[in-house]
Amino acid sequence: MTDTLIVIALLLTATAATAAALTRDPVRQAVVLALLGLSLAVLFTVLQAPDVALSQLGVGSAITPLLILLTVRKVNRRETQPQEGDDDRPDRAE
């Protein structure tokens, strides 16, 4: 029974890692990364490493995706705001 659980957890982790690598949209990638962190936490629990599983759950499933989402939001906000000194007039060479 234990071997079956390990194989299932490994397949779940491999699937989530592949999905995270193939996802191009950063927001969706953050969600898939959170699922990858959750599947790794399950794998560590099955492998009887609860302290590592708790660390992975906190960092890999919560903090890292949150930081990615905040970074994407900040970058998108900067792209939509006009920069100082930008105007609609083309430069005139005299």
PDB file of N, CA and C in Angstrom:
ATOM      1  N   MET A   1       0.824  -1.201   0.000  1.00  0.00           N
ATOM      2  CA  MET A   1       0.000   0.000   0.000  1.00  0.00           C
ATOM      3  C   MET A   1       0.863   1.258   0.000  1.00  0.00           C
ATOM      4  N   THR A   2       1.949   1.228   0.758  1.00  0.00           N
ATOM      5  CA  THR A   2       2.825   2.399   0.839  1.00  0.00           C
ATOM      6  C   THR A   2       3.474   2.687  -0.505  1.00  0.00           C
ATOM      7  N   ASP A   3       3.903   1.643  -1.192  1.00  0.00           N
ATOM      8  CA  ASP A   3       4.519   1.840  -2.506  1.00  0.00           C
ATOM      9  C   ASP A   3       3.538   2.455  -3.497  1.00  0.00           C
ATOM     10  N   THR A   4       2.286   2.061  -3.409  1.00  0.00           N
ATOM     11  CA  THR A   4       1.263   2.614  -4.289  1.00  0.00           C
ATOM     12  C   THR A   4       1.062   4.103  -4.020  1.00  0.00           C
ATOM     13  N   LEU A   5       1.039   4.485  -2.755  1.00  0.00           N
ATOM     14  CA  LEU A   5       0.903   5.903  -2.408  1.00  0.00           C
ATOM     15  C   LEU A   5       2.095   6.723  -2.899  1.00  0.00           C
ATOM     16  N   ILE A   6       3.282   6.163  -2.785  1.00  0.00           N
ATOM     17  CA  ILE A   6       4.484   6.869  -3.256  1.00  0.00           C
ATOM     18  C   ILE A   6       4.419   7.061  -4.768  1.00  0.00           C
ATOM     19  N   VAL A   7       4.026   6.044  -5.492  1.00  0.00           N
ATOM     20  CA  VAL A   7       3.938   6.145  -6.949  1.00  0.00           C
ATOM     21  C   VAL A   7       2.882   7.168  -7.362  1.00  0.00           C
ATOM     22  N   ILE A   8       1.749   7.166  -6.682  1.00  0.00           N
ATOM     23  CA  ILE A   8       0.694   8.137  -6.996  1.00  0.00           C
ATOM     24  C   ILE A   8       1.175   9.559  -6.705  1.00  0.00           C
ATOM     25  N   ALA A   9       1.844   9.754  -5.576  1.00  0.00           N
ATOM     26  CA  ALA A   9       2.355  11.081  -5.225  1.00  0.00           C
ATOM     27  C   ALA A   9       3.426  11.537  -6.217  1.00  0.00           C
ATOM     28  N   LEU A  10       4.281  10.616  -6.654  1.00  0.00           N
ATOM     29  CA  LEU A  10       5.303  10.960  -7.644  1.00  0.00           C
ATOM     30  C   LEU A  10       4.680  11.330  -8.987  1.00  0.00           C
ATOM     31  N   LEU A  11       3.666  10.601  -9.403  1.00  0.00           N
ATOM     32  CA  LEU A  11       2.983  10.922 -10.665  1.00  0.00           C
ATOM     33  C   LEU A  11       2.271  12.267 -10.583  1.00  0.00           C
ATOM     34  N   LEU A  12       1.651  12.540  -9.451  1.00  0.00           N
ATOM     35  CA  LEU A  12       0.989  13.829  -9.249  1.00  0.00           C
ATOM     36  C   LEU A  12       2.000  14.972  -9.296  1.00  0.00           C
ATOM     37  N   THR A  13       3.135  14.773  -8.660  1.00  0.00           N
ATOM     38  CA  THR A  13       4.182  15.795  -8.652  1.00  0.00           C
ATOM     39  C   THR A  13       4.762  15.993 -10.049  1.00  0.00           C
ATOM     40  N   ALA A  14       5.005  14.907 -10.767  1.00  0.00           N
ATOM     41  CA  ALA A  14       5.545  15.011 -12.123  1.00  0.00           C
ATOM     42  C   ALA A  14       4.565  15.713 -13.059  1.00  0.00           C
ATOM     43  N   THR A  15       3.287  15.426 -12.909  1.00  0.00           N
ATOM     44  CA  THR A  15       2.273  16.080 -13.731  1.00  0.00           C
ATOM     45  C   THR A  15       2.192  17.576 -13.429  1.00  0.00           C
ATOM     46  N   ALA A  16       2.215  17.921 -12.152  1.00  0.00           N
ATOM     47  CA  ALA A  16       2.147  19.335 -11.775  1.00  0.00           C
ATOM     48  C   ALA A  16       3.397  20.088 -12.215  1.00  0.00           C
ATOM     49  N   ALA A  17       4.553  19.451 -12.121  1.00  0.00           N
ATOM     50  CA  ALA A  17       5.798  20.100 -12.555  1.00  0.00           C
ATOM     51  C   ALA A  17       5.807  20.316 -14.061  1.00  0.00           C
ATOM     52  N   THR A  18       5.325  19.342 -14.807  1.00  0.00           N
ATOM     53  CA  THR A  18       5.246  19.497 -16.260  1.00  0.00           C
ATOM     54  C   THR A  18       4.277  20.607 -16.637  1.00  0.00           C
ATOM     55  N   ALA A  19       3.144  20.662 -15.968  1.00  0.00           N
ATOM     56  CA  ALA A  19       2.164  21.721 -16.236  1.00  0.00           C
ATOM     57  C   ALA A  19       2.745  23.095 -15.898  1.00  0.00           C
ATOM     58  N   ALA A  20       3.500  23.195 -14.810  1.00  0.00           N
ATOM     59  CA  ALA A  20       4.111  24.477 -14.438  1.00  0.00           C
ATOM     60  C   ALA A  20       5.141  24.912 -15.466  1.00  0.00           C
ATOM     61  N   ALA A  21       5.872  23.958 -16.005  1.00  0.00           N
ATOM     62  CA  ALA A  21       6.899  24.298 -17.003  1.00  0.00           C
ATOM     63  C   ALA A  21       6.288  24.686 -18.347  1.00  0.00           C
ATOM     64  N   LEU A  22       5.126  24.141 -18.670  1.00  0.00           N
ATOM     65  CA  LEU A  22       4.515  24.401 -19.975  1.00  0.00           C
ATOM     66  C   LEU A  22       3.569  25.594 -19.979  1.00  0.00           C
ATOM     67  N   THR A  23       3.207  26.096 -18.818  1.00  0.00           N
ATOM     68  CA  THR A  23       2.288  27.227 -18.736  1.00  0.00           C
ATOM     69  C   THR A  23       3.037  28.517 -19.031  1.00  0.00           C
ATOM     70  N   ARG A  24       2.475  29.355 -19.903  1.00  0.00           N
ATOM     71  CA  ARG A  24       3.154  30.590 -20.309  1.00  0.00           C
ATOM     72  C   ARG A  24       2.649  31.835 -19.588  1.00  0.00           C
ATOM     73  N   ASP A  25       1.378  31.870 -19.247  1.00  0.00           N
ATOM     74  CA  ASP A  25       0.806  33.035 -18.572  1.00  0.00           C
ATOM     75  C   ASP A  25       1.275  33.055 -17.117  1.00  0.00           C
ATOM     76  N   PRO A  26       1.896  34.150 -16.669  1.00  0.00           N
ATOM     77  CA  PRO A  26       2.440  34.171 -15.308  1.00  0.00           C
ATOM     78  C   PRO A  26       1.395  33.991 -14.205  1.00  0.00           C
ATOM     79  N   VAL A  27       0.187  34.479 -14.413  1.00  0.00           N
ATOM     80  CA  VAL A  27      -0.843  34.318 -13.379  1.00  0.00           C
ATOM     81  C   VAL A  27      -1.249  32.850 -13.272  1.00  0.00           C
ATOM     82  N   ARG A  28      -1.478  32.214 -14.392  1.00  0.00           N
ATOM     83  CA  ARG A  28      -1.812  30.791 -14.376  1.00  0.00           C
ATOM     84  C   ARG A  28      -0.639  29.962 -13.871  1.00  0.00           C
ATOM     85  N   GLN A  29       0.558  30.391 -14.217  1.00  0.00           N
ATOM     86  CA  GLN A  29       1.744  29.675 -13.762  1.00  0.00           C
ATOM     87  C   GLN A  29       1.863  29.741 -12.237  1.00  0.00           C
ATOM     88  N   ALA A  30       1.496  30.845 -11.634  1.00  0.00           N
ATOM     89  CA  ALA A  30       1.527  30.952 -10.176  1.00  0.00           C
ATOM     90  C   ALA A  30       0.535  29.985  -9.535  1.00  0.00           C
ATOM     91  N   VAL A  31      -0.634  29.834 -10.151  1.00  0.00           N
ATOM     92  CA  VAL A  31      -1.632  28.901  -9.625  1.00  0.00           C
ATOM     93  C   VAL A  31      -1.128  27.467  -9.757  1.00  0.00           C
ATOM     94  N   VAL A  32      -0.554  27.144 -10.908  1.00  0.00           N
ATOM     95  CA  VAL A  32      -0.026  25.794 -11.114  1.00  0.00           C
ATOM     96  C   VAL A  32       1.160  25.547 -10.184  1.00  0.00           C
ATOM     97  N   LEU A  33       1.948  26.575  -9.928  1.00  0.00           N
ATOM     98  CA  LEU A  33       3.066  26.450  -9.001  1.00  0.00           C
ATOM     99  C   LEU A  33       2.576  26.175  -7.579  1.00  0.00           C
ATOM    100  N   ALA A  34       1.458  26.777  -7.207  1.00  0.00           N
ATOM    101  CA  ALA A  34       0.871  26.484  -5.900  1.00  0.00           C
ATOM    102  C   ALA A  34       0.414  25.023  -5.826  1.00  0.00           C
ATOM    103  N   LEU A  35      -0.159  24.527  -6.914  1.00  0.00           N
ATOM    104  CA  LEU A  35      -0.553  23.113  -6.952  1.00  0.00           C
ATOM    105  C   LEU A  35       0.664  22.194  -6.904  1.00  0.00           C
ATOM    106  N   LEU A  36       1.750  22.610  -7.541  1.00  0.00           N
ATOM    107  CA  LEU A  36       2.988  21.834  -7.477  1.00  0.00           C
ATOM    108  C   LEU A  36       3.516  21.799  -6.043  1.00  0.00           C
ATOM    109  N   GLY A  37       3.477  22.924  -5.353  1.00  0.00           N
ATOM    110  CA  GLY A  37       3.905  22.947  -3.962  1.00  0.00           C
ATOM    111  C   GLY A  37       3.052  22.053  -3.086  1.00  0.00           C
ATOM    112  N   LEU A  38       1.762  22.041  -3.358  1.00  0.00           N
ATOM    113  CA  LEU A  38       0.861  21.171  -2.606  1.00  0.00           C
ATOM    114  C   LEU A  38       1.158  19.702  -2.881  1.00  0.00           C
ATOM    115  N   SER A  39       1.396  19.361  -4.139  1.00  0.00           N
ATOM    116  CA  SER A  39       1.701  17.961  -4.458  1.00  0.00           C
ATOM    117  C   SER A  39       3.047  17.543  -3.868  1.00  0.00           C
ATOM    118  N   LEU A  40       4.010  18.457  -3.815  1.00  0.00           N
ATOM    119  CA  LEU A  40       5.284  18.137  -3.168  1.00  0.00           C
ATOM    120  C   LEU A  40       5.098  17.936  -1.667  1.00  0.00           C
ATOM    121  N   ALA A  41       4.234  18.735  -1.062  1.00  0.00           N
ATOM    122  CA  ALA A  41       3.955  18.560   0.366  1.00  0.00           C
ATOM    123  C   ALA A  41       3.323  17.195   0.629  1.00  0.00           C
ATOM    124  N   VAL A  42       2.436  16.773  -0.264  1.00  0.00           N
ATOM    125  CA  VAL A  42       1.835  15.439  -0.129  1.00  0.00           C
ATOM    126  C   VAL A  42       2.907  14.367  -0.291  1.00  0.00           C
ATOM    127  N   LEU A  43       3.786  14.540  -1.269  1.00  0.00           N
ATOM    128  CA  LEU A  43       4.861  13.575  -1.483  1.00  0.00           C
ATOM    129  C   LEU A  43       5.766  13.472  -0.257  1.00  0.00           C
ATOM    130  N   PHE A  44       6.140  14.606   0.320  1.00  0.00           N
ATOM    131  CA  PHE A  44       6.992  14.578   1.502  1.00  0.00           C
ATOM    132  C   PHE A  44       6.280  13.936   2.687  1.00  0.00           C
ATOM    133  N   THR A  45       4.973  14.138   2.782  1.00  0.00           N
ATOM    134  CA  THR A  45       4.218  13.505   3.853  1.00  0.00           C
ATOM    135  C   THR A  45       4.189  11.989   3.682  1.00  0.00           C
ATOM    136  N   VAL A  46       3.996  11.551   2.444  1.00  0.00           N
ATOM    137  CA  VAL A  46       3.986  10.116   2.163  1.00  0.00           C
ATOM    138  C   VAL A  46       5.365   9.517   2.438  1.00  0.00           C
ATOM    139  N   LEU A  47       6.407  10.267   2.175  1.00  0.00           N
ATOM    140  CA  LEU A  47       7.773   9.783   2.423  1.00  0.00           C
ATOM    141  C   LEU A  47       8.199   9.979   3.883  1.00  0.00           C
ATOM    142  N   GLN A  48       7.260  10.334   4.746  1.00  0.00           N
ATOM    143  CA  GLN A  48       7.454  10.473   6.180  1.00  0.00           C
ATOM    144  C   GLN A  48       8.465  11.558   6.538  1.00  0.00           C
ATOM    145  N   ALA A  49       8.304  12.717   5.912  1.00  0.00           N
ATOM    146  CA  ALA A  49       9.103  13.898   6.234  1.00  0.00           C
ATOM    147  C   ALA A  49       8.149  15.058   6.512  1.00  0.00           C
ATOM    148  N   PRO A  50       7.463  15.026   7.651  1.00  0.00           N
ATOM    149  CA  PRO A  50       6.436  16.043   7.903  1.00  0.00           C
ATOM    150  C   PRO A  50       6.993  17.457   8.077  1.00  0.00           C
ATOM    151  N   ASP A  51       8.208  17.587   8.606  1.00  0.00           N
ATOM    152  CA  ASP A  51       8.774  18.923   8.770  1.00  0.00           C
ATOM    153  C   ASP A  51       9.071  19.563   7.422  1.00  0.00           C
ATOM    154  N   VAL A  52       9.578  18.785   6.491  1.00  0.00           N
ATOM    155  CA  VAL A  52       9.829  19.295   5.139  1.00  0.00           C
ATOM    156  C   VAL A  52       8.510  19.580   4.435  1.00  0.00           C
ATOM    157  N   ALA A  53       7.507  18.749   4.682  1.00  0.00           N
ATOM    158  CA  ALA A  53       6.190  18.949   4.072  1.00  0.00           C
ATOM    159  C   ALA A  53       5.565  20.256   4.543  1.00  0.00           C
ATOM    160  N   LEU A  54       5.694  20.559   5.836  1.00  0.00           N
ATOM    161  CA  LEU A  54       5.146  21.815   6.347  1.00  0.00           C
ATOM    162  C   LEU A  54       5.879  23.021   5.769  1.00  0.00           C
ATOM    163  N   SER A  55       7.188  22.913   5.645  1.00  0.00           N
ATOM    164  CA  SER A  55       7.956  24.010   5.033  1.00  0.00           C
ATOM    165  C   SER A  55       7.549  24.208   3.577  1.00  0.00           C
ATOM    166  N   GLN A  56       7.400  23.106   2.855  1.00  0.00           N
ATOM    167  CA  GLN A  56       6.996  23.179   1.456  1.00  0.00           C
ATOM    168  C   GLN A  56       5.591  23.749   1.328  1.00  0.00           C
ATOM    169  N   LEU A  57       4.733  23.383   2.239  1.00  0.00           N
ATOM    170  CA  LEU A  57       3.363  23.887   2.202  1.00  0.00           C
ATOM    171  C   LEU A  57       3.332  25.401   2.392  1.00  0.00           C
ATOM    172  N   GLY A  58       4.142  25.882   3.312  1.00  0.00           N
ATOM    173  CA  GLY A  58       4.165  27.328   3.564  1.00  0.00           C
ATOM    174  C   GLY A  58       4.849  28.113   2.467  1.00  0.00           C
ATOM    175  N   VAL A  59       6.020  27.662   2.064  1.00  0.00           N
ATOM    176  CA  VAL A  59       6.798  28.417   1.084  1.00  0.00           C
ATOM    177  C   VAL A  59       6.340  28.127  -0.339  1.00  0.00           C
ATOM    178  N   GLY A  60       6.263  26.855  -0.701  1.00  0.00           N
ATOM    179  CA  GLY A  60       5.967  26.491  -2.083  1.00  0.00           C
ATOM    180  C   GLY A  60       4.525  26.669  -2.491  1.00  0.00           C
ATOM    181  N   SER A  61       3.623  26.549  -1.545  1.00  0.00           N
ATOM    182  CA  SER A  61       2.208  26.644  -1.896  1.00  0.00           C
ATOM    183  C   SER A  61       1.603  28.004  -1.617  1.00  0.00           C
ATOM    184  N   ALA A  62       2.220  28.792  -0.755  1.00  0.00           N
ATOM    185  CA  ALA A  62       1.607  30.064  -0.372  1.00  0.00           C
ATOM    186  C   ALA A  62       2.484  31.271  -0.707  1.00  0.00           C
ATOM    187  N   ILE A  63       3.676  31.318  -0.190  1.00  0.00           N
ATOM    188  CA  ILE A  63       4.485  32.535  -0.296  1.00  0.00           C
ATOM    189  C   ILE A  63       4.994  32.774  -1.718  1.00  0.00           C
ATOM    190  N   THR A  64       5.572  31.754  -2.341  1.00  0.00           N
ATOM    191  CA  THR A  64       6.132  31.942  -3.683  1.00  0.00           C
ATOM    192  C   THR A  64       5.065  32.335  -4.717  1.00  0.00           C
ATOM    193  N   PRO A  65       3.918  31.629  -4.812  1.00  0.00           N
ATOM    194  CA  PRO A  65       2.892  32.085  -5.763  1.00  0.00           C
ATOM    195  C   PRO A  65       2.359  33.482  -5.450  1.00  0.00           C
ATOM    196  N   LEU A  66       2.251  33.811  -4.161  1.00  0.00           N
ATOM    197  CA  LEU A  66       1.792  35.143  -3.790  1.00  0.00           C
ATOM    198  C   LEU A  66       2.778  36.209  -4.259  1.00  0.00           C
ATOM    199  N   LEU A  67       4.062  35.970  -4.081  1.00  0.00           N
ATOM    200  CA  LEU A  67       5.067  36.930  -4.548  1.00  0.00           C
ATOM    201  C   LEU A  67       5.057  37.064  -6.073  1.00  0.00           C
ATOM    202  N   ILE A  68       4.845  35.968  -6.770  1.00  0.00           N
ATOM    203  CA  ILE A  68       4.761  36.026  -8.237  1.00  0.00           C
ATOM    204  C   ILE A  68       3.554  36.855  -8.660  1.00  0.00           C
ATOM    205  N   LEU A  69       2.402  36.625  -8.027  1.00  0.00           N
ATOM    206  CA  LEU A  69       1.202  37.391  -8.375  1.00  0.00           C
ATOM    207  C   LEU A  69       1.374  38.880  -8.075  1.00  0.00           C
ATOM    208  N   LEU A  70       1.997  39.202  -6.949  1.00  0.00           N
ATOM    209  CA  LEU A  70       2.230  40.614  -6.630  1.00  0.00           C
ATOM    210  C   LEU A  70       3.199  41.257  -7.613  1.00  0.00           C
ATOM    211  N   THR A  71       4.206  40.526  -8.033  1.00  0.00           N
ATOM    212  CA  THR A  71       5.164  41.049  -9.009  1.00  0.00           C
ATOM    213  C   THR A  71       4.510  41.280 -10.360  1.00  0.00           C
ATOM    214  N   VAL A  72       3.693  40.348 -10.808  1.00  0.00           N
ATOM    215  CA  VAL A  72       2.986  40.505 -12.085  1.00  0.00           C
ATOM    216  C   VAL A  72       2.059  41.713 -12.018  1.00  0.00           C
ATOM    217  N   ARG A  73       1.378  41.882 -10.893  1.00  0.00           N
ATOM    218  CA  ARG A  73       0.487  43.030 -10.735  1.00  0.00           C
ATOM    219  C   ARG A  73       1.261  44.345 -10.796  1.00  0.00           C
ATOM    220  N   LYS A  74       2.416  44.388 -10.147  1.00  0.00           N
ATOM    221  CA  LYS A  74       3.227  45.606 -10.131  1.00  0.00           C
ATOM    222  C   LYS A  74       3.762  45.917 -11.531  1.00  0.00           C
ATOM    223  N   VAL A  75       4.216  44.895 -12.250  1.00  0.00           N
ATOM    224  CA  VAL A  75       4.739  45.100 -13.608  1.00  0.00           C
ATOM    225  C   VAL A  75       3.628  45.565 -14.535  1.00  0.00           C
ATOM    226  N   ASN A  76       2.445  44.959 -14.430  1.00  0.00           N
ATOM    227  CA  ASN A  76       1.323  45.369 -15.276  1.00  0.00           C
ATOM    228  C   ASN A  76       0.906  46.798 -14.976  1.00  0.00           C
ATOM    229  N   ARG A  77       0.963  47.195 -13.724  1.00  0.00           N
ATOM    230  CA  ARG A  77       0.597  48.556 -13.348  1.00  0.00           C
ATOM    231  C   ARG A  77       1.595  49.561 -13.927  1.00  0.00           C
ATOM    232  N   ARG A  78       2.865  49.224 -13.902  1.00  0.00           N
ATOM    233  CA  ARG A  78       3.883  50.133 -14.453  1.00  0.00           C
ATOM    234  C   ARG A  78       3.784  50.260 -15.960  1.00  0.00           C
ATOM    235  N   GLU A  79       3.397  49.179 -16.634  1.00  0.00           N
ATOM    236  CA  GLU A  79       3.281  49.228 -18.085  1.00  0.00           C
ATOM    237  C   GLU A  79       2.119  50.100 -18.528  1.00  0.00           C
ATOM    238  N   THR A  80       1.073  50.179 -17.743  1.00  0.00           N
ATOM    239  CA  THR A  80      -0.100  50.950 -18.146  1.00  0.00           C
ATOM    240  C   THR A  80       0.029  52.429 -17.803  1.00  0.00           C
ATOM    241  N   GLN A  81       0.888  52.785 -16.843  1.00  0.00           N
ATOM    242  CA  GLN A  81       1.067  54.183 -16.477  1.00  0.00           C
ATOM    243  C   GLN A  81       2.099  54.826 -17.403  1.00  0.00           C
ATOM    244  N   PRO A  82       1.829  56.063 -17.863  1.00  0.00           N
ATOM    245  CA  PRO A  82       2.826  56.744 -18.691  1.00  0.00           C
ATOM    246  C   PRO A  82       4.042  57.120 -17.851  1.00  0.00           C
ATOM    247  N   GLN A  83       5.200  57.009 -18.454  1.00  0.00           N
ATOM    248  CA  GLN A  83       6.436  57.345 -17.766  1.00  0.00           C
ATOM    249  C   GLN A  83       6.644  58.845 -17.783  1.00  0.00           C
ATOM    250  N   GLU A  84       7.419  59.330 -16.859  1.00  0.00           N
ATOM    251  CA  GLU A  84       7.709  60.751 -16.769  1.00  0.00           C
ATOM    252  C   GLU A  84       8.521  61.170 -17.989  1.00  0.00           C
ATOM    253  N   GLY A  85       8.121  62.237 -18.610  1.00  0.00           N
ATOM    254  CA  GLY A  85       8.833  62.722 -19.792  1.00  0.00           C
ATOM    255  C   GLY A  85       8.283  62.168 -21.097  1.00  0.00           C
ATOM    256  N   ASP A  86       7.389  61.194 -21.017  1.00  0.00           N
ATOM    257  CA  ASP A  86       6.781  60.661 -22.234  1.00  0.00           C
ATOM    258  C   ASP A  86       5.676  61.603 -22.687  1.00  0.00           C
ATOM    259  N   ASP A  87       5.641  61.878 -23.948  1.00  0.00           N
ATOM    260  CA  ASP A  87       4.539  62.644 -24.505  1.00  0.00           C
ATOM    261  C   ASP A  87       4.223  62.083 -25.878  1.00  0.00           C
ATOM    262  N   ASP A  88       3.159  62.554 -26.450  1.00  0.00           N
ATOM    263  CA  ASP A  88       2.706  62.028 -27.730  1.00  0.00           C
ATOM    264  C   ASP A  88       3.414  62.666 -28.908  1.00  0.00           C
ATOM    265  N   ARG A  89       4.200  63.713 -28.652  1.00  0.00           N
ATOM    266  CA  ARG A  89       4.875  64.388 -29.760  1.00  0.00           C
ATOM    267  C   ARG A  89       6.116  63.633 -30.182  1.00  0.00           C
ATOM    268  N   PRO A  90       6.277  63.420 -31.466  1.00  0.00           N
ATOM    269  CA  PRO A  90       7.519  62.786 -31.920  1.00  0.00           C
ATOM    270  C   PRO A  90       8.684  63.759 -31.780  1.00  0.00           C
ATOM    271  N   ASP A  91       9.873  63.213 -31.622  1.00  0.00           N
ATOM    272  CA  ASP A  91      11.048  64.055 -31.543  1.00  0.00           C
ATOM    273  C   ASP A  91      11.314  64.707 -32.894  1.00  0.00           C
ATOM    274  N   ARG A  92      11.641  65.991 -32.836  1.00  0.00           N
ATOM    275  CA  ARG A  92      11.892  66.730 -34.083  1.00  0.00           C
ATOM    276  C   ARG A  92      13.382  66.987 -34.195  1.00  0.00           C
ATOM    277  N   ALA A  93      13.946  66.508 -35.260  1.00  0.00           N
ATOM    278  CA  ALA A  93      15.364  66.784 -35.502  1.00  0.00           C
ATOM    279  C   ALA A  93      15.469  68.080 -36.270  1.00  0.00           C
ATOM    280  N   GLU A  94      16.252  68.987 -35.751  1.00  0.00           N
ATOM    281  CA  GLU A  94      16.399  70.293 -36.403  1.00  0.00           C
ATOM    282  C   GLU A  94      17.763  70.427 -37.002  1.00  0.00           C
TER     283      GLU A  94
END
